[in-house]
Amino acid sequence: IPDLRSAFQAVRRLATFHYYSASTGR
């Protein structure tokens, strides 16, 4: 199902991007 693959990609890309790029102020 294309929409399920797309949802997987959206969360995967954004979760990993924000995990490594986010500044916590420390």
mmCIF file of all heavy atoms, coordinates in Angstrom:
data_MODEL
# 
_entry.id   MODEL 
# 
loop_
_atom_site.group_PDB 
_atom_site.id 
_atom_site.type_symbol 
_atom_site.label_atom_id 
_atom_site.label_alt_id 
_atom_site.label_comp_id 
_atom_site.label_asym_id 
_atom_site.label_entity_id 
_atom_site.label_seq_id 
_atom_site.pdbx_PDB_ins_code 
_atom_site.Cartn_x 
_atom_site.Cartn_y 
_atom_site.Cartn_z 
_atom_site.occupancy 
_atom_site.B_iso_or_equiv 
_atom_site.pdbx_formal_charge 
_atom_site.auth_seq_id 
_atom_site.auth_comp_id 
_atom_site.auth_asym_id 
_atom_site.auth_atom_id 
_atom_site.pdbx_PDB_model_num 
ATOM 1   N N   . ILE A 1 1  ? 0.857  -1.188 0.000  1.00 0.00 ? 1  ILE A N   1 
ATOM 2   C CA  . ILE A 1 1  ? 0.000  0.000  0.000  1.00 0.00 ? 1  ILE A CA  1 
ATOM 3   C C   . ILE A 1 1  ? 0.897  1.243  0.000  1.00 0.00 ? 1  ILE A C   1 
ATOM 4   O O   . ILE A 1 1  ? 1.626  1.493  0.965  1.00 0.00 ? 1  ILE A O   1 
ATOM 5   C CB  . ILE A 1 1  ? -0.924 0.013  1.226  1.00 0.00 ? 1  ILE A CB  1 
ATOM 6   C CG1 . ILE A 1 1  ? -1.780 -1.263 1.244  1.00 0.00 ? 1  ILE A CG1 1 
ATOM 7   C CG2 . ILE A 1 1  ? -1.816 1.248  1.217  1.00 0.00 ? 1  ILE A CG2 1 
ATOM 8   C CD1 . ILE A 1 1  ? -2.632 -1.411 2.479  1.00 0.00 ? 1  ILE A CD1 1 
ATOM 9   N N   . PRO A 1 2  ? 0.878  2.039  -1.066 1.00 0.00 ? 2  PRO A N   1 
ATOM 10  C CA  . PRO A 1 2  ? 1.798  3.184  -1.156 1.00 0.00 ? 2  PRO A CA  1 
ATOM 11  C C   . PRO A 1 2  ? 1.704  4.148  0.017  1.00 0.00 ? 2  PRO A C   1 
ATOM 12  O O   . PRO A 1 2  ? 2.732  4.642  0.491  1.00 0.00 ? 2  PRO A O   1 
ATOM 13  C CB  . PRO A 1 2  ? 1.378  3.853  -2.477 1.00 0.00 ? 2  PRO A CB  1 
ATOM 14  C CG  . PRO A 1 2  ? 0.766  2.756  -3.281 1.00 0.00 ? 2  PRO A CG  1 
ATOM 15  C CD  . PRO A 1 2  ? 0.069  1.873  -2.290 1.00 0.00 ? 2  PRO A CD  1 
ATOM 16  N N   . ASP A 1 3  ? 0.503  4.456  0.482  1.00 0.00 ? 3  ASP A N   1 
ATOM 17  C CA  . ASP A 1 3  ? 0.364  5.419  1.572  1.00 0.00 ? 3  ASP A CA  1 
ATOM 18  C C   . ASP A 1 3  ? 1.021  4.925  2.854  1.00 0.00 ? 3  ASP A C   1 
ATOM 19  O O   . ASP A 1 3  ? 1.525  5.732  3.658  1.00 0.00 ? 3  ASP A O   1 
ATOM 20  C CB  . ASP A 1 3  ? -1.110 5.739  1.830  1.00 0.00 ? 3  ASP A CB  1 
ATOM 21  C CG  . ASP A 1 3  ? -1.656 6.758  0.836  1.00 0.00 ? 3  ASP A CG  1 
ATOM 22  O OD1 . ASP A 1 3  ? -0.855 7.287  0.042  1.00 0.00 ? 3  ASP A OD1 1 
ATOM 23  O OD2 . ASP A 1 3  ? -2.869 7.030  0.864  1.00 0.00 ? 3  ASP A OD2 1 
ATOM 24  N N   . LEU A 1 4  ? 1.025  3.613  3.096  1.00 0.00 ? 4  LEU A N   1 
ATOM 25  C CA  . LEU A 1 4  ? 1.690  3.080  4.284  1.00 0.00 ? 4  LEU A CA  1 
ATOM 26  C C   . LEU A 1 4  ? 3.204  3.209  4.155  1.00 0.00 ? 4  LEU A C   1 
ATOM 27  O O   . LEU A 1 4  ? 3.889  3.564  5.125  1.00 0.00 ? 4  LEU A O   1 
ATOM 28  C CB  . LEU A 1 4  ? 1.297  1.623  4.500  1.00 0.00 ? 4  LEU A CB  1 
ATOM 29  C CG  . LEU A 1 4  ? -0.160 1.352  4.882  1.00 0.00 ? 4  LEU A CG  1 
ATOM 30  C CD1 . LEU A 1 4  ? -0.385 -0.140 5.091  1.00 0.00 ? 4  LEU A CD1 1 
ATOM 31  C CD2 . LEU A 1 4  ? -0.539 2.127  6.143  1.00 0.00 ? 4  LEU A CD2 1 
ATOM 32  N N   . ARG A 1 5  ? 3.727  2.939  2.974  1.00 0.00 ? 5  ARG A N   1 
ATOM 33  C CA  . ARG A 1 5  ? 5.171  3.116  2.763  1.00 0.00 ? 5  ARG A CA  1 
ATOM 34  C C   . ARG A 1 5  ? 5.549  4.589  2.936  1.00 0.00 ? 5  ARG A C   1 
ATOM 35  O O   . ARG A 1 5  ? 6.580  4.905  3.533  1.00 0.00 ? 5  ARG A O   1 
ATOM 36  C CB  . ARG A 1 5  ? 5.586  2.630  1.372  1.00 0.00 ? 5  ARG A CB  1 
ATOM 37  C CG  . ARG A 1 5  ? 5.408  1.145  1.133  1.00 0.00 ? 5  ARG A CG  1 
ATOM 38  C CD  . ARG A 1 5  ? 6.224  0.676  -0.076 1.00 0.00 ? 5  ARG A CD  1 
ATOM 39  N NE  . ARG A 1 5  ? 5.931  1.455  -1.274 1.00 0.00 ? 5  ARG A NE  1 
ATOM 40  C CZ  . ARG A 1 5  ? 4.973  1.165  -2.141 1.00 0.00 ? 5  ARG A CZ  1 
ATOM 41  N NH1 . ARG A 1 5  ? 4.176  0.114  -1.923 1.00 0.00 ? 5  ARG A NH1 1 
ATOM 42  N NH2 . ARG A 1 5  ? 4.785  1.907  -3.224 1.00 0.00 ? 5  ARG A NH2 1 
ATOM 43  N N   . SER A 1 6  ? 4.715  5.485  2.419  1.00 0.00 ? 6  SER A N   1 
ATOM 44  C CA  . SER A 1 6  ? 5.009  6.916  2.528  1.00 0.00 ? 6  SER A CA  1 
ATOM 45  C C   . SER A 1 6  ? 4.991  7.370  3.978  1.00 0.00 ? 6  SER A C   1 
ATOM 46  O O   . SER A 1 6  ? 5.843  8.162  4.400  1.00 0.00 ? 6  SER A O   1 
ATOM 47  C CB  . SER A 1 6  ? 3.993  7.720  1.711  1.00 0.00 ? 6  SER A CB  1 
ATOM 48  O OG  . SER A 1 6  ? 4.101  7.432  0.330  1.00 0.00 ? 6  SER A OG  1 
ATOM 49  N N   . ALA A 1 7  ? 4.013  6.892  4.746  1.00 0.00 ? 7  ALA A N   1 
ATOM 50  C CA  . ALA A 1 7  ? 3.946  7.263  6.164  1.00 0.00 ? 7  ALA A CA  1 
ATOM 51  C C   . ALA A 1 7  ? 5.170  6.767  6.907  1.00 0.00 ? 7  ALA A C   1 
ATOM 52  O O   . ALA A 1 7  ? 5.737  7.472  7.751  1.00 0.00 ? 7  ALA A O   1 
ATOM 53  C CB  . ALA A 1 7  ? 2.674  6.700  6.784  1.00 0.00 ? 7  ALA A CB  1 
ATOM 54  N N   . PHE A 1 8  ? 5.595  5.542  6.602  1.00 0.00 ? 8  PHE A N   1 
ATOM 55  C CA  . PHE A 1 8  ? 6.816  5.005  7.202  1.00 0.00 ? 8  PHE A CA  1 
ATOM 56  C C   . PHE A 1 8  ? 8.006  5.914  6.905  1.00 0.00 ? 8  PHE A C   1 
ATOM 57  O O   . PHE A 1 8  ? 8.774  6.284  7.802  1.00 0.00 ? 8  PHE A O   1 
ATOM 58  C CB  . PHE A 1 8  ? 7.078  3.598  6.657  1.00 0.00 ? 8  PHE A CB  1 
ATOM 59  C CG  . PHE A 1 8  ? 8.464  3.085  6.942  1.00 0.00 ? 8  PHE A CG  1 
ATOM 60  C CD1 . PHE A 1 8  ? 8.745  2.451  8.135  1.00 0.00 ? 8  PHE A CD1 1 
ATOM 61  C CD2 . PHE A 1 8  ? 9.490  3.246  6.008  1.00 0.00 ? 8  PHE A CD2 1 
ATOM 62  C CE1 . PHE A 1 8  ? 10.033 1.982  8.410  1.00 0.00 ? 8  PHE A CE1 1 
ATOM 63  C CE2 . PHE A 1 8  ? 10.771 2.784  6.276  1.00 0.00 ? 8  PHE A CE2 1 
ATOM 64  C CZ  . PHE A 1 8  ? 11.042 2.153  7.474  1.00 0.00 ? 8  PHE A CZ  1 
ATOM 65  N N   . GLN A 1 9  ? 8.167  6.303  5.636  1.00 0.00 ? 9  GLN A N   1 
ATOM 66  C CA  . GLN A 1 9  ? 9.297  7.148  5.248  1.00 0.00 ? 9  GLN A CA  1 
ATOM 67  C C   . GLN A 1 9  ? 9.239  8.507  5.937  1.00 0.00 ? 9  GLN A C   1 
ATOM 68  O O   . GLN A 1 9  ? 10.271 9.049  6.355  1.00 0.00 ? 9  GLN A O   1 
ATOM 69  C CB  . GLN A 1 9  ? 9.327  7.321  3.727  1.00 0.00 ? 9  GLN A CB  1 
ATOM 70  C CG  . GLN A 1 9  ? 9.596  6.053  2.933  1.00 0.00 ? 9  GLN A CG  1 
ATOM 71  C CD  . GLN A 1 9  ? 11.027 5.565  3.085  1.00 0.00 ? 9  GLN A CD  1 
ATOM 72  O OE1 . GLN A 1 9  ? 11.869 6.212  3.714  1.00 0.00 ? 9  GLN A OE1 1 
ATOM 73  N NE2 . GLN A 1 9  ? 11.306 4.401  2.523  1.00 0.00 ? 9  GLN A NE2 1 
ATOM 74  N N   . ALA A 1 10 ? 8.039  9.071  6.048  1.00 0.00 ? 10 ALA A N   1 
ATOM 75  C CA  . ALA A 1 10 ? 7.897  10.393 6.660  1.00 0.00 ? 10 ALA A CA  1 
ATOM 76  C C   . ALA A 1 10 ? 8.380  10.371 8.102  1.00 0.00 ? 10 ALA A C   1 
ATOM 77  O O   . ALA A 1 10 ? 9.170  11.228 8.530  1.00 0.00 ? 10 ALA A O   1 
ATOM 78  C CB  . ALA A 1 10 ? 6.449  10.851 6.585  1.00 0.00 ? 10 ALA A CB  1 
ATOM 79  N N   . VAL A 1 11 ? 7.902  9.389  8.881  1.00 0.00 ? 11 VAL A N   1 
ATOM 80  C CA  . VAL A 1 11 ? 8.289  9.340  10.291 1.00 0.00 ? 11 VAL A CA  1 
ATOM 81  C C   . VAL A 1 11 ? 9.762  8.988  10.428 1.00 0.00 ? 11 VAL A C   1 
ATOM 82  O O   . VAL A 1 11 ? 10.481 9.567  11.250 1.00 0.00 ? 11 VAL A O   1 
ATOM 83  C CB  . VAL A 1 11 ? 7.415  8.338  11.059 1.00 0.00 ? 11 VAL A CB  1 
ATOM 84  C CG1 . VAL A 1 11 ? 7.807  8.313  12.538 1.00 0.00 ? 11 VAL A CG1 1 
ATOM 85  C CG2 . VAL A 1 11 ? 5.938  8.694  10.932 1.00 0.00 ? 11 VAL A CG2 1 
ATOM 86  N N   . ARG A 1 12 ? 10.236 8.038  9.632  1.00 0.00 ? 12 ARG A N   1 
ATOM 87  C CA  . ARG A 1 12 ? 11.646 7.638  9.720  1.00 0.00 ? 12 ARG A CA  1 
ATOM 88  C C   . ARG A 1 12 ? 12.575 8.814  9.453  1.00 0.00 ? 12 ARG A C   1 
ATOM 89  O O   . ARG A 1 12 ? 13.510 9.085  10.233 1.00 0.00 ? 12 ARG A O   1 
ATOM 90  C CB  . ARG A 1 12 ? 11.933 6.518  8.714  1.00 0.00 ? 12 ARG A CB  1 
ATOM 91  C CG  . ARG A 1 12 ? 13.397 6.050  8.714  1.00 0.00 ? 12 ARG A CG  1 
ATOM 92  C CD  . ARG A 1 12 ? 13.698 5.129  7.546  1.00 0.00 ? 12 ARG A CD  1 
ATOM 93  N NE  . ARG A 1 12 ? 13.549 5.805  6.260  1.00 0.00 ? 12 ARG A NE  1 
ATOM 94  C CZ  . ARG A 1 12 ? 14.484 6.586  5.710  1.00 0.00 ? 12 ARG A CZ  1 
ATOM 95  N NH1 . ARG A 1 12 ? 15.631 6.814  6.345  1.00 0.00 ? 12 ARG A NH1 1 
ATOM 96  N NH2 . ARG A 1 12 ? 14.277 7.157  4.538  1.00 0.00 ? 12 ARG A NH2 1 
ATOM 97  N N   . ARG A 1 13 ? 12.337 9.528  8.357  1.00 0.00 ? 13 ARG A N   1 
ATOM 98  C CA  . ARG A 1 13 ? 13.232 10.633 7.996  1.00 0.00 ? 13 ARG A CA  1 
ATOM 99  C C   . ARG A 1 13 ? 13.180 11.748 9.022  1.00 0.00 ? 13 ARG A C   1 
ATOM 100 O O   . ARG A 1 13 ? 14.212 12.280 9.440  1.00 0.00 ? 13 ARG A O   1 
ATOM 101 C CB  . ARG A 1 13 ? 12.875 11.188 6.610  1.00 0.00 ? 13 ARG A CB  1 
ATOM 102 C CG  . ARG A 1 13 ? 13.236 10.247 5.467  1.00 0.00 ? 13 ARG A CG  1 
ATOM 103 C CD  . ARG A 1 13 ? 13.243 10.961 4.134  1.00 0.00 ? 13 ARG A CD  1 
ATOM 104 N NE  . ARG A 1 13 ? 11.946 11.487 3.769  1.00 0.00 ? 13 ARG A NE  1 
ATOM 105 C CZ  . ARG A 1 13 ? 11.666 12.774 3.627  1.00 0.00 ? 13 ARG A CZ  1 
ATOM 106 N NH1 . ARG A 1 13 ? 12.592 13.687 3.845  1.00 0.00 ? 13 ARG A NH1 1 
ATOM 107 N NH2 . ARG A 1 13 ? 10.462 13.162 3.276  1.00 0.00 ? 13 ARG A NH2 1 
ATOM 108 N N   . LEU A 1 14 ? 11.971 12.127 9.424  1.00 0.00 ? 14 LEU A N   1 
ATOM 109 C CA  . LEU A 1 14 ? 11.843 13.265 10.327 1.00 0.00 ? 14 LEU A CA  1 
ATOM 110 C C   . LEU A 1 14 ? 12.328 12.933 11.730 1.00 0.00 ? 14 LEU A C   1 
ATOM 111 O O   . LEU A 1 14 ? 12.954 13.761 12.399 1.00 0.00 ? 14 LEU A O   1 
ATOM 112 C CB  . LEU A 1 14 ? 10.391 13.745 10.360 1.00 0.00 ? 14 LEU A CB  1 
ATOM 113 C CG  . LEU A 1 14 ? 9.891  14.394 9.071  1.00 0.00 ? 14 LEU A CG  1 
ATOM 114 C CD1 . LEU A 1 14 ? 8.405  14.706 9.167  1.00 0.00 ? 14 LEU A CD1 1 
ATOM 115 C CD2 . LEU A 1 14 ? 10.681 15.667 8.763  1.00 0.00 ? 14 LEU A CD2 1 
ATOM 116 N N   . ALA A 1 15 ? 12.041 11.718 12.208 1.00 0.00 ? 15 ALA A N   1 
ATOM 117 C CA  . ALA A 1 15 ? 12.471 11.352 13.557 1.00 0.00 ? 15 ALA A CA  1 
ATOM 118 C C   . ALA A 1 15 ? 13.988 11.331 13.658 1.00 0.00 ? 15 ALA A C   1 
ATOM 119 O O   . ALA A 1 15 ? 14.571 11.867 14.618 1.00 0.00 ? 15 ALA A O   1 
ATOM 120 C CB  . ALA A 1 15 ? 11.895 9.998  13.943 1.00 0.00 ? 15 ALA A CB  1 
ATOM 121 N N   . THR A 1 16 ? 14.652 10.731 12.684 1.00 0.00 ? 16 THR A N   1 
ATOM 122 C CA  . THR A 1 16 ? 16.108 10.666 12.750 1.00 0.00 ? 16 THR A CA  1 
ATOM 123 C C   . THR A 1 16 ? 16.743 12.034 12.515 1.00 0.00 ? 16 THR A C   1 
ATOM 124 O O   . THR A 1 16 ? 17.727 12.397 13.169 1.00 0.00 ? 16 THR A O   1 
ATOM 125 C CB  . THR A 1 16 ? 16.653 9.649  11.733 1.00 0.00 ? 16 THR A CB  1 
ATOM 126 O OG1 . THR A 1 16 ? 16.111 9.935  10.430 1.00 0.00 ? 16 THR A OG1 1 
ATOM 127 C CG2 . THR A 1 16 ? 16.241 8.233  12.117 1.00 0.00 ? 16 THR A CG2 1 
ATOM 128 N N   . PHE A 1 17 ? 16.169 12.816 11.600 1.00 0.00 ? 17 PHE A N   1 
ATOM 129 C CA  . PHE A 1 17 ? 16.717 14.154 11.359 1.00 0.00 ? 17 PHE A CA  1 
ATOM 130 C C   . PHE A 1 17 ? 16.647 15.005 12.620 1.00 0.00 ? 17 PHE A C   1 
ATOM 131 O O   . PHE A 1 17 ? 17.640 15.613 13.034 1.00 0.00 ? 17 PHE A O   1 
ATOM 132 C CB  . PHE A 1 17 ? 15.955 14.852 10.229 1.00 0.00 ? 17 PHE A CB  1 
ATOM 133 C CG  . PHE A 1 17 ? 16.287 16.317 10.102 1.00 0.00 ? 17 PHE A CG  1 
ATOM 134 C CD1 . PHE A 1 17 ? 17.492 16.724 9.554  1.00 0.00 ? 17 PHE A CD1 1 
ATOM 135 C CD2 . PHE A 1 17 ? 15.409 17.290 10.547 1.00 0.00 ? 17 PHE A CD2 1 
ATOM 136 C CE1 . PHE A 1 17 ? 17.818 18.072 9.453  1.00 0.00 ? 17 PHE A CE1 1 
ATOM 137 C CE2 . PHE A 1 17 ? 15.715 18.634 10.450 1.00 0.00 ? 17 PHE A CE2 1 
ATOM 138 C CZ  . PHE A 1 17 ? 16.931 19.026 9.899  1.00 0.00 ? 17 PHE A CZ  1 
ATOM 139 N N   . HIS A 1 18 ? 15.480 15.072 13.239 1.00 0.00 ? 18 HIS A N   1 
ATOM 140 C CA  . HIS A 1 18 ? 15.339 15.933 14.412 1.00 0.00 ? 18 HIS A CA  1 
ATOM 141 C C   . HIS A 1 18 ? 16.100 15.386 15.616 1.00 0.00 ? 18 HIS A C   1 
ATOM 142 O O   . HIS A 1 18 ? 16.537 16.159 16.475 1.00 0.00 ? 18 HIS A O   1 
ATOM 143 C CB  . HIS A 1 18 ? 13.858 16.121 14.748 1.00 0.00 ? 18 HIS A CB  1 
ATOM 144 C CG  . HIS A 1 18 ? 13.155 17.058 13.812 1.00 0.00 ? 18 HIS A CG  1 
ATOM 145 N ND1 . HIS A 1 18 ? 13.455 18.395 13.751 1.00 0.00 ? 18 HIS A ND1 1 
ATOM 146 C CD2 . HIS A 1 18 ? 12.171 16.855 12.905 1.00 0.00 ? 18 HIS A CD2 1 
ATOM 147 C CE1 . HIS A 1 18 ? 12.684 18.981 12.843 1.00 0.00 ? 18 HIS A CE1 1 
ATOM 148 N NE2 . HIS A 1 18 ? 11.910 18.063 12.315 1.00 0.00 ? 18 HIS A NE2 1 
ATOM 149 N N   . TYR A 1 19 ? 16.285 14.071 15.685 1.00 0.00 ? 19 TYR A N   1 
ATOM 150 C CA  . TYR A 1 19 ? 17.043 13.514 16.803 1.00 0.00 ? 19 TYR A CA  1 
ATOM 151 C C   . TYR A 1 19 ? 18.480 14.017 16.783 1.00 0.00 ? 19 TYR A C   1 
ATOM 152 O O   . TYR A 1 19 ? 19.032 14.416 17.808 1.00 0.00 ? 19 TYR A O   1 
ATOM 153 C CB  . TYR A 1 19 ? 17.023 11.983 16.737 1.00 0.00 ? 19 TYR A CB  1 
ATOM 154 C CG  . TYR A 1 19 ? 17.713 11.319 17.904 1.00 0.00 ? 19 TYR A CG  1 
ATOM 155 C CD1 . TYR A 1 19 ? 17.045 11.124 19.103 1.00 0.00 ? 19 TYR A CD1 1 
ATOM 156 C CD2 . TYR A 1 19 ? 19.040 10.881 17.800 1.00 0.00 ? 19 TYR A CD2 1 
ATOM 157 C CE1 . TYR A 1 19 ? 17.673 10.514 20.181 1.00 0.00 ? 19 TYR A CE1 1 
ATOM 158 C CE2 . TYR A 1 19 ? 19.676 10.270 18.869 1.00 0.00 ? 19 TYR A CE2 1 
ATOM 159 C CZ  . TYR A 1 19 ? 18.984 10.089 20.060 1.00 0.00 ? 19 TYR A CZ  1 
ATOM 160 O OH  . TYR A 1 19 ? 19.616 9.486  21.124 1.00 0.00 ? 19 TYR A OH  1 
ATOM 161 N N   . TYR A 1 20 ? 19.091 14.003 15.614 1.00 0.00 ? 20 TYR A N   1 
ATOM 162 C CA  . TYR A 1 20 ? 20.498 14.377 15.528 1.00 0.00 ? 20 TYR A CA  1 
ATOM 163 C C   . TYR A 1 20 ? 20.724 15.872 15.359 1.00 0.00 ? 20 TYR A C   1 
ATOM 164 O O   . TYR A 1 20 ? 21.787 16.391 15.706 1.00 0.00 ? 20 TYR A O   1 
ATOM 165 C CB  . TYR A 1 20 ? 21.171 13.621 14.378 1.00 0.00 ? 20 TYR A CB  1 
ATOM 166 C CG  . TYR A 1 20 ? 21.396 12.164 14.691 1.00 0.00 ? 20 TYR A CG  1 
ATOM 167 C CD1 . TYR A 1 20 ? 20.535 11.192 14.202 1.00 0.00 ? 20 TYR A CD1 1 
ATOM 168 C CD2 . TYR A 1 20 ? 22.459 11.761 15.498 1.00 0.00 ? 20 TYR A CD2 1 
ATOM 169 C CE1 . TYR A 1 20 ? 20.723 9.844  14.507 1.00 0.00 ? 20 TYR A CE1 1 
ATOM 170 C CE2 . TYR A 1 20 ? 22.653 10.429 15.805 1.00 0.00 ? 20 TYR A CE2 1 
ATOM 171 C CZ  . TYR A 1 20 ? 21.789 9.471  15.310 1.00 0.00 ? 20 TYR A CZ  1 
ATOM 172 O OH  . TYR A 1 20 ? 21.971 8.149  15.621 1.00 0.00 ? 20 TYR A OH  1 
ATOM 173 N N   . SER A 1 21 ? 19.747 16.591 14.828 1.00 0.00 ? 21 SER A N   1 
ATOM 174 C CA  . SER A 1 21 ? 19.963 18.014 14.526 1.00 0.00 ? 21 SER A CA  1 
ATOM 175 C C   . SER A 1 21 ? 19.460 18.939 15.623 1.00 0.00 ? 21 SER A C   1 
ATOM 176 O O   . SER A 1 21 ? 19.878 20.092 15.698 1.00 0.00 ? 21 SER A O   1 
ATOM 177 C CB  . SER A 1 21 ? 19.278 18.390 13.211 1.00 0.00 ? 21 SER A CB  1 
ATOM 178 O OG  . SER A 1 21 ? 17.870 18.294 13.335 1.00 0.00 ? 21 SER A OG  1 
ATOM 179 N N   . ALA A 1 22 ? 18.552 18.448 16.473 1.00 0.00 ? 22 ALA A N   1 
ATOM 180 C CA  . ALA A 1 22 ? 17.922 19.333 17.457 1.00 0.00 ? 22 ALA A CA  1 
ATOM 181 C C   . ALA A 1 22 ? 18.926 19.811 18.494 1.00 0.00 ? 22 ALA A C   1 
ATOM 182 O O   . ALA A 1 22 ? 19.743 19.039 18.997 1.00 0.00 ? 22 ALA A O   1 
ATOM 183 C CB  . ALA A 1 22 ? 16.764 18.614 18.136 1.00 0.00 ? 22 ALA A CB  1 
ATOM 184 N N   . SER A 1 23 ? 18.851 21.083 18.817 1.00 0.00 ? 23 SER A N   1 
ATOM 185 C CA  . SER A 1 23 ? 19.676 21.643 19.886 1.00 0.00 ? 23 SER A CA  1 
ATOM 186 C C   . SER A 1 23 ? 18.885 21.639 21.179 1.00 0.00 ? 23 SER A C   1 
ATOM 187 O O   . SER A 1 23 ? 17.752 22.119 21.237 1.00 0.00 ? 23 SER A O   1 
ATOM 188 C CB  . SER A 1 23 ? 20.095 23.072 19.539 1.00 0.00 ? 23 SER A CB  1 
ATOM 189 O OG  . SER A 1 23 ? 20.731 23.688 20.653 1.00 0.00 ? 23 SER A OG  1 
ATOM 190 N N   . THR A 1 24 ? 19.474 21.064 22.215 1.00 0.00 ? 24 THR A N   1 
ATOM 191 C CA  . THR A 1 24 ? 18.816 21.027 23.523 1.00 0.00 ? 24 THR A CA  1 
ATOM 192 C C   . THR A 1 24 ? 19.234 22.188 24.413 1.00 0.00 ? 24 THR A C   1 
ATOM 193 O O   . THR A 1 24 ? 18.747 22.312 25.528 1.00 0.00 ? 24 THR A O   1 
ATOM 194 C CB  . THR A 1 24 ? 19.151 19.710 24.234 1.00 0.00 ? 24 THR A CB  1 
ATOM 195 O OG1 . THR A 1 24 ? 20.580 19.628 24.412 1.00 0.00 ? 24 THR A OG1 1 
ATOM 196 C CG2 . THR A 1 24 ? 18.674 18.516 23.425 1.00 0.00 ? 24 THR A CG2 1 
ATOM 197 N N   . GLY A 1 25 ? 20.131 23.025 23.924 1.00 0.00 ? 25 GLY A N   1 
ATOM 198 C CA  . GLY A 1 25 ? 20.610 24.139 24.727 1.00 0.00 ? 25 GLY A CA  1 
ATOM 199 C C   . GLY A 1 25 ? 21.810 23.792 25.588 1.00 0.00 ? 25 GLY A C   1 
ATOM 200 O O   . GLY A 1 25 ? 22.392 24.668 26.224 1.00 0.00 ? 25 GLY A O   1 
ATOM 201 N N   . ARG A 1 26 ? 22.181 22.520 25.619 1.00 0.00 ? 26 ARG A N   1 
ATOM 202 C CA  . ARG A 1 26 ? 23.346 22.106 26.400 1.00 0.00 ? 26 ARG A CA  1 
ATOM 203 C C   . ARG A 1 26 ? 24.610 22.328 25.583 1.00 0.00 ? 26 ARG A C   1 
ATOM 204 O O   . ARG A 1 26 ? 24.678 21.964 24.404 1.00 0.00 ? 26 ARG A O   1 
ATOM 205 C CB  . ARG A 1 26 ? 23.240 20.628 26.779 1.00 0.00 ? 26 ARG A CB  1 
ATOM 206 C CG  . ARG A 1 26 ? 22.196 20.313 27.805 1.00 0.00 ? 26 ARG A CG  1 
ATOM 207 C CD  . ARG A 1 26 ? 22.134 18.817 28.091 1.00 0.00 ? 26 ARG A CD  1 
ATOM 208 N NE  . ARG A 1 26 ? 23.432 18.234 28.415 1.00 0.00 ? 26 ARG A NE  1 
ATOM 209 C CZ  . ARG A 1 26 ? 23.597 16.963 28.779 1.00 0.00 ? 26 ARG A CZ  1 
ATOM 210 N NH1 . ARG A 1 26 ? 22.544 16.163 28.853 1.00 0.00 ? 26 ARG A NH1 1 
ATOM 211 N NH2 . ARG A 1 26 ? 24.802 16.502 29.061 1.00 0.00 ? 26 ARG A NH2 1 
# 
